[in-house]
């Protein structure tokens, strides 16, 4: 996730949408994203 974060501007510049998927809950994802 941090590797994707660190390259996110390069991905966005290509006009690409990035989506992560796991079986974790919304709350778990919220905490992970914030952290």
ModelCIF file with pLDDT and N, C-alpha, C, O atoms, coordinates in Angstrom:
data_MODEL
#
_entry.id   MODEL 
#
_entity.id                         1 
_entity.type                       polymer 
_entity.pdbx_number_of_molecules   1 
#
_entity_poly.entity_id                      1 
_entity_poly.type                           'polypeptide(L)' 
_entity_poly.nstd_linkage                   no 
_entity_poly.nstd_monomer                   no 
_entity_poly.pdbx_seq_one_letter_code       
;(UNK)(UNK)(UNK)(UNK)(UNK)(UNK)(UNK)(UNK)(UNK)(UNK)(UNK)(UNK)(UNK)(UNK)(UNK)(UNK)
(UNK)(UNK)(UNK)(UNK)(UNK)(UNK)(UNK)(UNK)(UNK)(UNK)(UNK)(UNK)(UNK)(UNK)(UNK)(UNK)
(UNK)(UNK)(UNK)
;
_entity_poly.pdbx_seq_one_letter_code_can   XXXXXXXXXXXXXXXXXXXXXXXXXXXXXXXXXXX 
_entity_poly.pdbx_strand_id                 A 
#
loop_
_entity_poly_seq.entity_id 
_entity_poly_seq.num 
_entity_poly_seq.mon_id 
_entity_poly_seq.hetero 
1 1  UNK n 
1 2  UNK n 
1 3  UNK n 
1 4  UNK n 
1 5  UNK n 
1 6  UNK n 
1 7  UNK n 
1 8  UNK n 
1 9  UNK n 
1 10 UNK n 
1 11 UNK n 
1 12 UNK n 
1 13 UNK n 
1 14 UNK n 
1 15 UNK n 
1 16 UNK n 
1 17 UNK n 
1 18 UNK n 
1 19 UNK n 
1 20 UNK n 
1 21 UNK n 
1 22 UNK n 
1 23 UNK n 
1 24 UNK n 
1 25 UNK n 
1 26 UNK n 
1 27 UNK n 
1 28 UNK n 
1 29 UNK n 
1 30 UNK n 
1 31 UNK n 
1 32 UNK n 
1 33 UNK n 
1 34 UNK n 
1 35 UNK n 
#
_struct_asym.id          A 
_struct_asym.entity_id   1 
#
loop_
_ma_qa_metric.id 
_ma_qa_metric.mode 
_ma_qa_metric.name 
_ma_qa_metric.software_group_id 
_ma_qa_metric.type 
1 global pLDDT . pLDDT 
2 local  pLDDT . pLDDT 
#
_ma_qa_metric_global.metric_id      1 
_ma_qa_metric_global.metric_value   97.03 
_ma_qa_metric_global.model_id       1 
_ma_qa_metric_global.ordinal_id     1 
#
loop_
_ma_qa_metric_local.label_asym_id 
_ma_qa_metric_local.label_comp_id 
_ma_qa_metric_local.label_seq_id 
_ma_qa_metric_local.metric_id 
_ma_qa_metric_local.metric_value 
_ma_qa_metric_local.model_id 
_ma_qa_metric_local.ordinal_id 
A UNK 1  2 98.00 1 1  
A UNK 2  2 97.00 1 2  
A UNK 3  2 97.00 1 3  
A UNK 4  2 98.00 1 4  
A UNK 5  2 98.00 1 5  
A UNK 6  2 98.00 1 6  
A UNK 7  2 97.00 1 7  
A UNK 8  2 97.00 1 8  
A UNK 9  2 96.00 1 9  
A UNK 10 2 95.00 1 10 
A UNK 11 2 96.00 1 11 
A UNK 12 2 95.00 1 12 
A UNK 13 2 95.00 1 13 
A UNK 14 2 94.00 1 14 
A UNK 15 2 95.00 1 15 
A UNK 16 2 97.00 1 16 
A UNK 17 2 97.00 1 17 
A UNK 18 2 98.00 1 18 
A UNK 19 2 98.00 1 19 
A UNK 20 2 98.00 1 20 
A UNK 21 2 98.00 1 21 
A UNK 22 2 98.00 1 22 
A UNK 23 2 98.00 1 23 
A UNK 24 2 97.00 1 24 
A UNK 25 2 97.00 1 25 
A UNK 26 2 97.00 1 26 
A UNK 27 2 97.00 1 27 
A UNK 28 2 98.00 1 28 
A UNK 29 2 97.00 1 29 
A UNK 30 2 97.00 1 30 
A UNK 31 2 98.00 1 31 
A UNK 32 2 98.00 1 32 
A UNK 33 2 97.00 1 33 
A UNK 34 2 97.00 1 34 
A UNK 35 2 98.00 1 35 
#
loop_
_atom_site.group_PDB 
_atom_site.id 
_atom_site.type_symbol 
_atom_site.label_atom_id 
_atom_site.label_alt_id 
_atom_site.label_comp_id 
_atom_site.label_asym_id 
_atom_site.label_entity_id 
_atom_site.label_seq_id 
_atom_site.pdbx_PDB_ins_code 
_atom_site.Cartn_x 
_atom_site.Cartn_y 
_atom_site.Cartn_z 
_atom_site.occupancy 
_atom_site.B_iso_or_equiv 
_atom_site.pdbx_formal_charge 
_atom_site.auth_seq_id 
_atom_site.auth_comp_id 
_atom_site.auth_asym_id 
_atom_site.auth_atom_id 
_atom_site.pdbx_PDB_model_num 
ATOM 1   N N  . UNK A 1 1  ? 0.836   -1.207 0.000   1.00 98.00 ? 1  UNK A N  1 
ATOM 2   C CA . UNK A 1 1  ? 0.000   0.000  0.000   1.00 98.00 ? 1  UNK A CA 1 
ATOM 3   C C  . UNK A 1 1  ? 0.872   1.260  0.000   1.00 98.00 ? 1  UNK A C  1 
ATOM 4   O O  . UNK A 1 1  ? 0.578   2.222  -0.709  1.00 98.00 ? 1  UNK A O  1 
ATOM 5   N N  . UNK A 1 2  ? 1.935   1.249  0.789   1.00 97.00 ? 2  UNK A N  1 
ATOM 6   C CA . UNK A 1 2  ? 2.829   2.412  0.855   1.00 97.00 ? 2  UNK A CA 1 
ATOM 7   C C  . UNK A 1 2  ? 3.602   2.604  -0.455  1.00 97.00 ? 2  UNK A C  1 
ATOM 8   O O  . UNK A 1 2  ? 3.868   3.739  -0.852  1.00 97.00 ? 2  UNK A O  1 
ATOM 9   N N  . UNK A 1 3  ? 3.964   1.510  -1.127  1.00 97.00 ? 3  UNK A N  1 
ATOM 10  C CA . UNK A 1 3  ? 4.609   1.614  -2.443  1.00 97.00 ? 3  UNK A CA 1 
ATOM 11  C C  . UNK A 1 3  ? 3.641   2.258  -3.444  1.00 97.00 ? 3  UNK A C  1 
ATOM 12  O O  . UNK A 1 3  ? 4.033   3.134  -4.215  1.00 97.00 ? 3  UNK A O  1 
ATOM 13  N N  . UNK A 1 4  ? 2.374   1.817  -3.429  1.00 98.00 ? 4  UNK A N  1 
ATOM 14  C CA . UNK A 1 4  ? 1.378   2.446  -4.316  1.00 98.00 ? 4  UNK A CA 1 
ATOM 15  C C  . UNK A 1 4  ? 1.193   3.911  -3.938  1.00 98.00 ? 4  UNK A C  1 
ATOM 16  O O  . UNK A 1 4  ? 1.085   4.768  -4.815  1.00 98.00 ? 4  UNK A O  1 
ATOM 17  N N  . UNK A 1 5  ? 1.155   4.203  -2.647  1.00 98.00 ? 5  UNK A N  1 
ATOM 18  C CA . UNK A 1 5  ? 1.015   5.596  -2.189  1.00 98.00 ? 5  UNK A CA 1 
ATOM 19  C C  . UNK A 1 5  ? 2.173   6.449  -2.715  1.00 98.00 ? 5  UNK A C  1 
ATOM 20  O O  . UNK A 1 5  ? 1.967   7.548  -3.231  1.00 98.00 ? 5  UNK A O  1 
ATOM 21  N N  . UNK A 1 6  ? 3.384   5.927  -2.576  1.00 98.00 ? 6  UNK A N  1 
ATOM 22  C CA . UNK A 1 6  ? 4.568   6.692  -2.978  1.00 98.00 ? 6  UNK A CA 1 
ATOM 23  C C  . UNK A 1 6  ? 4.643   6.904  -4.486  1.00 98.00 ? 6  UNK A C  1 
ATOM 24  O O  . UNK A 1 6  ? 5.311   7.831  -4.946  1.00 98.00 ? 6  UNK A O  1 
ATOM 25  N N  . UNK A 1 7  ? 3.973   6.064  -5.254  1.00 97.00 ? 7  UNK A N  1 
ATOM 26  C CA . UNK A 1 7  ? 3.963   6.202  -6.723  1.00 97.00 ? 7  UNK A CA 1 
ATOM 27  C C  . UNK A 1 7  ? 2.629   6.738  -7.236  1.00 97.00 ? 7  UNK A C  1 
ATOM 28  O O  . UNK A 1 7  ? 2.401   6.785  -8.445  1.00 97.00 ? 7  UNK A O  1 
ATOM 29  N N  . UNK A 1 8  ? 1.757   7.139  -6.328  1.00 97.00 ? 8  UNK A N  1 
ATOM 30  C CA . UNK A 1 8  ? 0.400   7.524  -6.705  1.00 97.00 ? 8  UNK A CA 1 
ATOM 31  C C  . UNK A 1 8  ? 0.369   8.692  -7.696  1.00 97.00 ? 8  UNK A C  1 
ATOM 32  O O  . UNK A 1 8  ? -0.441  8.692  -8.623  1.00 97.00 ? 8  UNK A O  1 
ATOM 33  N N  . UNK A 1 9  ? 1.233   9.676  -7.512  1.00 96.00 ? 9  UNK A N  1 
ATOM 34  C CA . UNK A 1 9  ? 1.212   10.828 -8.436  1.00 96.00 ? 9  UNK A CA 1 
ATOM 35  C C  . UNK A 1 9  ? 1.586   10.381 -9.852  1.00 96.00 ? 9  UNK A C  1 
ATOM 36  O O  . UNK A 1 9  ? 1.039   10.896 -10.828 1.00 96.00 ? 9  UNK A O  1 
ATOM 37  N N  . UNK A 1 10 ? 2.515   9.425  -9.971  1.00 95.00 ? 10 UNK A N  1 
ATOM 38  C CA . UNK A 1 10 ? 2.884   8.910  -11.298 1.00 95.00 ? 10 UNK A CA 1 
ATOM 39  C C  . UNK A 1 10 ? 1.714   8.142  -11.918 1.00 95.00 ? 10 UNK A C  1 
ATOM 40  O O  . UNK A 1 10 ? 1.492   8.217  -13.126 1.00 95.00 ? 10 UNK A O  1 
ATOM 41  N N  . UNK A 1 11 ? 0.976   7.410  -11.099 1.00 96.00 ? 11 UNK A N  1 
ATOM 42  C CA . UNK A 1 11 ? -0.181  6.651  -11.581 1.00 96.00 ? 11 UNK A CA 1 
ATOM 43  C C  . UNK A 1 11 ? -1.280  7.614  -12.023 1.00 96.00 ? 11 UNK A C  1 
ATOM 44  O O  . UNK A 1 11 ? -1.866  7.449  -13.093 1.00 96.00 ? 11 UNK A O  1 
ATOM 45  N N  . UNK A 1 12 ? -1.555  8.619  -11.191 1.00 95.00 ? 12 UNK A N  1 
ATOM 46  C CA . UNK A 1 12 ? -2.605  9.604  -11.511 1.00 95.00 ? 12 UNK A CA 1 
ATOM 47  C C  . UNK A 1 12 ? -2.284  10.386 -12.776 1.00 95.00 ? 12 UNK A C  1 
ATOM 48  O O  . UNK A 1 12 ? -3.176  10.675 -13.573 1.00 95.00 ? 12 UNK A O  1 
ATOM 49  N N  . UNK A 1 13 ? -1.006  10.731 -12.965 1.00 95.00 ? 13 UNK A N  1 
ATOM 50  C CA . UNK A 1 13 ? -0.604  11.489 -14.167 1.00 95.00 ? 13 UNK A CA 1 
ATOM 51  C C  . UNK A 1 13 ? -0.940  10.729 -15.438 1.00 95.00 ? 13 UNK A C  1 
ATOM 52  O O  . UNK A 1 13 ? -1.136  11.330 -16.494 1.00 95.00 ? 13 UNK A O  1 
ATOM 53  N N  . UNK A 1 14 ? -1.008  9.407  -15.338 1.00 94.00 ? 14 UNK A N  1 
ATOM 54  C CA . UNK A 1 14 ? -1.356  8.582  -16.499 1.00 94.00 ? 14 UNK A CA 1 
ATOM 55  C C  . UNK A 1 14 ? -2.880  8.491  -16.663 1.00 94.00 ? 14 UNK A C  1 
ATOM 56  O O  . UNK A 1 14 ? -3.367  7.821  -17.575 1.00 94.00 ? 14 UNK A O  1 
ATOM 57  N N  . UNK A 1 15 ? -3.638  9.169  -15.774 1.00 95.00 ? 15 UNK A N  1 
ATOM 58  C CA . UNK A 1 15 ? -5.084  9.147  -15.839 1.00 95.00 ? 15 UNK A CA 1 
ATOM 59  C C  . UNK A 1 15 ? -5.683  7.836  -15.367 1.00 95.00 ? 15 UNK A C  1 
ATOM 60  O O  . UNK A 1 15 ? -6.776  7.456  -15.785 1.00 95.00 ? 15 UNK A O  1 
ATOM 61  N N  . UNK A 1 16 ? -4.967  7.150  -14.498 1.00 97.00 ? 16 UNK A N  1 
ATOM 62  C CA . UNK A 1 16 ? -5.361  5.813  -14.051 1.00 97.00 ? 16 UNK A CA 1 
ATOM 63  C C  . UNK A 1 16 ? -6.013  5.891  -12.664 1.00 97.00 ? 16 UNK A C  1 
ATOM 64  O O  . UNK A 1 16 ? -5.584  6.661  -11.805 1.00 97.00 ? 16 UNK A O  1 
ATOM 65  N N  . UNK A 1 17 ? -7.055  5.078  -12.468 1.00 97.00 ? 17 UNK A N  1 
ATOM 66  C CA . UNK A 1 17 ? -7.724  4.945  -11.179 1.00 97.00 ? 17 UNK A CA 1 
ATOM 67  C C  . UNK A 1 17 ? -7.095  3.765  -10.443 1.00 97.00 ? 17 UNK A C  1 
ATOM 68  O O  . UNK A 1 17 ? -6.942  2.686  -11.016 1.00 97.00 ? 17 UNK A O  1 
ATOM 69  N N  . UNK A 1 18 ? -6.732  3.966  -9.184  1.00 98.00 ? 18 UNK A N  1 
ATOM 70  C CA . UNK A 1 18 ? -6.136  2.917  -8.364  1.00 98.00 ? 18 UNK A CA 1 
ATOM 71  C C  . UNK A 1 18 ? -7.116  2.533  -7.266  1.00 98.00 ? 18 UNK A C  1 
ATOM 72  O O  . UNK A 1 18 ? -7.596  3.391  -6.524  1.00 98.00 ? 18 UNK A O  1 
ATOM 73  N N  . UNK A 1 19 ? -7.414  1.229  -7.165  1.00 98.00 ? 19 UNK A N  1 
ATOM 74  C CA . UNK A 1 19 ? -8.327  0.726  -6.142  1.00 98.00 ? 19 UNK A CA 1 
ATOM 75  C C  . UNK A 1 19 ? -7.705  -0.472 -5.434  1.00 98.00 ? 19 UNK A C  1 
ATOM 76  O O  . UNK A 1 19 ? -7.224  -1.397 -6.087  1.00 98.00 ? 19 UNK A O  1 
ATOM 77  N N  . UNK A 1 20 ? -7.712  -0.460 -4.109  1.00 98.00 ? 20 UNK A N  1 
ATOM 78  C CA . UNK A 1 20 ? -7.266  -1.601 -3.325  1.00 98.00 ? 20 UNK A CA 1 
ATOM 79  C C  . UNK A 1 20 ? -8.484  -2.369 -2.829  1.00 98.00 ? 20 UNK A C  1 
ATOM 80  O O  . UNK A 1 20 ? -9.513  -1.769 -2.517  1.00 98.00 ? 20 UNK A O  1 
ATOM 81  N N  . UNK A 1 21 ? -8.374  -3.684 -2.755  1.00 98.00 ? 21 UNK A N  1 
ATOM 82  C CA . UNK A 1 21 ? -9.484  -4.527 -2.306  1.00 98.00 ? 21 UNK A CA 1 
ATOM 83  C C  . UNK A 1 21 ? -8.966  -5.572 -1.317  1.00 98.00 ? 21 UNK A C  1 
ATOM 84  O O  . UNK A 1 21 ? -7.976  -6.254 -1.581  1.00 98.00 ? 21 UNK A O  1 
ATOM 85  N N  . UNK A 1 22 ? -9.651  -5.689 -0.172  1.00 98.00 ? 22 UNK A N  1 
ATOM 86  C CA . UNK A 1 22 ? -9.385  -6.777 0.765   1.00 98.00 ? 22 UNK A CA 1 
ATOM 87  C C  . UNK A 1 22 ? -10.688 -7.108 1.490   1.00 98.00 ? 22 UNK A C  1 
ATOM 88  O O  . UNK A 1 22 ? -11.654 -6.348 1.415   1.00 98.00 ? 22 UNK A O  1 
ATOM 89  N N  . UNK A 1 23 ? -10.713 -8.240 2.191   1.00 98.00 ? 23 UNK A N  1 
ATOM 90  C CA . UNK A 1 23 ? -11.932 -8.618 2.908   1.00 98.00 ? 23 UNK A CA 1 
ATOM 91  C C  . UNK A 1 23 ? -12.158 -7.849 4.213   1.00 98.00 ? 23 UNK A C  1 
ATOM 92  O O  . UNK A 1 23 ? -13.121 -8.124 4.929   1.00 98.00 ? 23 UNK A O  1 
ATOM 93  N N  . UNK A 1 24 ? -11.285 -6.895 4.528   1.00 97.00 ? 24 UNK A N  1 
ATOM 94  C CA . UNK A 1 24 ? -11.431 -6.128 5.765   1.00 97.00 ? 24 UNK A CA 1 
ATOM 95  C C  . UNK A 1 24 ? -12.657 -5.215 5.712   1.00 97.00 ? 24 UNK A C  1 
ATOM 96  O O  . UNK A 1 24 ? -13.174 -4.909 4.637   1.00 97.00 ? 24 UNK A O  1 
ATOM 97  N N  . UNK A 1 25 ? -13.111 -4.788 6.886   1.00 97.00 ? 25 UNK A N  1 
ATOM 98  C CA . UNK A 1 25 ? -14.287 -3.923 7.010   1.00 97.00 ? 25 UNK A CA 1 
ATOM 99  C C  . UNK A 1 25 ? -13.967 -2.476 6.621   1.00 97.00 ? 25 UNK A C  1 
ATOM 100 O O  . UNK A 1 25 ? -12.806 -2.088 6.486   1.00 97.00 ? 25 UNK A O  1 
ATOM 101 N N  . UNK A 1 26 ? -15.035 -1.695 6.448   1.00 97.00 ? 26 UNK A N  1 
ATOM 102 C CA . UNK A 1 26 ? -14.864 -0.256 6.161   1.00 97.00 ? 26 UNK A CA 1 
ATOM 103 C C  . UNK A 1 26 ? -14.044 0.398  7.268   1.00 97.00 ? 26 UNK A C  1 
ATOM 104 O O  . UNK A 1 26 ? -13.136 1.182  6.991   1.00 97.00 ? 26 UNK A O  1 
ATOM 105 N N  . UNK A 1 27 ? -14.365 0.077  8.526   1.00 97.00 ? 27 UNK A N  1 
ATOM 106 C CA . UNK A 1 27 ? -13.672 0.676  9.678   1.00 97.00 ? 27 UNK A CA 1 
ATOM 107 C C  . UNK A 1 27 ? -12.178 0.329  9.658   1.00 97.00 ? 27 UNK A C  1 
ATOM 108 O O  . UNK A 1 27 ? -11.335 1.192  9.902   1.00 97.00 ? 27 UNK A O  1 
ATOM 109 N N  . UNK A 1 28 ? -11.857 -0.929 9.368   1.00 98.00 ? 28 UNK A N  1 
ATOM 110 C CA . UNK A 1 28 ? -10.458 -1.342 9.278   1.00 98.00 ? 28 UNK A CA 1 
ATOM 111 C C  . UNK A 1 28 ? -9.748  -0.564 8.172   1.00 98.00 ? 28 UNK A C  1 
ATOM 112 O O  . UNK A 1 28 ? -8.622  -0.100 8.354   1.00 98.00 ? 28 UNK A O  1 
ATOM 113 N N  . UNK A 1 29 ? -10.417 -0.424 7.021   1.00 97.00 ? 29 UNK A N  1 
ATOM 114 C CA . UNK A 1 29 ? -9.846  0.337  5.904   1.00 97.00 ? 29 UNK A CA 1 
ATOM 115 C C  . UNK A 1 29 ? -9.635  1.800  6.294   1.00 97.00 ? 29 UNK A C  1 
ATOM 116 O O  . UNK A 1 29 ? -8.611  2.393  5.954   1.00 97.00 ? 29 UNK A O  1 
ATOM 117 N N  . UNK A 1 30 ? -10.598 2.379  7.003   1.00 97.00 ? 30 UNK A N  1 
ATOM 118 C CA . UNK A 1 30 ? -10.469 3.778  7.440   1.00 97.00 ? 30 UNK A CA 1 
ATOM 119 C C  . UNK A 1 30 ? -9.208  3.957  8.271   1.00 97.00 ? 30 UNK A C  1 
ATOM 120 O O  . UNK A 1 30 ? -8.419  4.871  8.032   1.00 97.00 ? 30 UNK A O  1 
ATOM 121 N N  . UNK A 1 31 ? -9.027  3.079  9.245   1.00 98.00 ? 31 UNK A N  1 
ATOM 122 C CA . UNK A 1 31 ? -7.846  3.165  10.118  1.00 98.00 ? 31 UNK A CA 1 
ATOM 123 C C  . UNK A 1 31 ? -6.552  2.978  9.332   1.00 98.00 ? 31 UNK A C  1 
ATOM 124 O O  . UNK A 1 31 ? -5.580  3.703  9.543   1.00 98.00 ? 31 UNK A O  1 
ATOM 125 N N  . UNK A 1 32 ? -6.546  1.995  8.418   1.00 98.00 ? 32 UNK A N  1 
ATOM 126 C CA . UNK A 1 32 ? -5.366  1.706  7.589   1.00 98.00 ? 32 UNK A CA 1 
ATOM 127 C C  . UNK A 1 32 ? -5.015  2.919  6.723   1.00 98.00 ? 32 UNK A C  1 
ATOM 128 O O  . UNK A 1 32 ? -3.852  3.311  6.637   1.00 98.00 ? 32 UNK A O  1 
ATOM 129 N N  . UNK A 1 33 ? -6.027  3.507  6.086   1.00 97.00 ? 33 UNK A N  1 
ATOM 130 C CA . UNK A 1 33 ? -5.804  4.684  5.226   1.00 97.00 ? 33 UNK A CA 1 
ATOM 131 C C  . UNK A 1 33 ? -5.249  5.855  6.022   1.00 97.00 ? 33 UNK A C  1 
ATOM 132 O O  . UNK A 1 33 ? -4.300  6.514  5.598   1.00 97.00 ? 33 UNK A O  1 
ATOM 133 N N  . UNK A 1 34 ? -5.849  6.105  7.179   1.00 97.00 ? 34 UNK A N  1 
ATOM 134 C CA . UNK A 1 34 ? -5.401  7.231  8.011   1.00 97.00 ? 34 UNK A CA 1 
ATOM 135 C C  . UNK A 1 34 ? -3.981  7.015  8.507   1.00 97.00 ? 34 UNK A C  1 
ATOM 136 O O  . UNK A 1 34 ? -3.148  7.920  8.447   1.00 97.00 ? 34 UNK A O  1 
ATOM 137 N N  . UNK A 1 35 ? -3.712  5.820  8.995   1.00 98.00 ? 35 UNK A N  1 
ATOM 138 C CA . UNK A 1 35 ? -2.404  5.520  9.576   1.00 98.00 ? 35 UNK A CA 1 
ATOM 139 C C  . UNK A 1 35 ? -1.277  5.714  8.565   1.00 98.00 ? 35 UNK A C  1 
ATOM 140 O O  . UNK A 1 35 ? -0.110  5.503  8.894   1.00 98.00 ? 35 UNK A O  1 
#
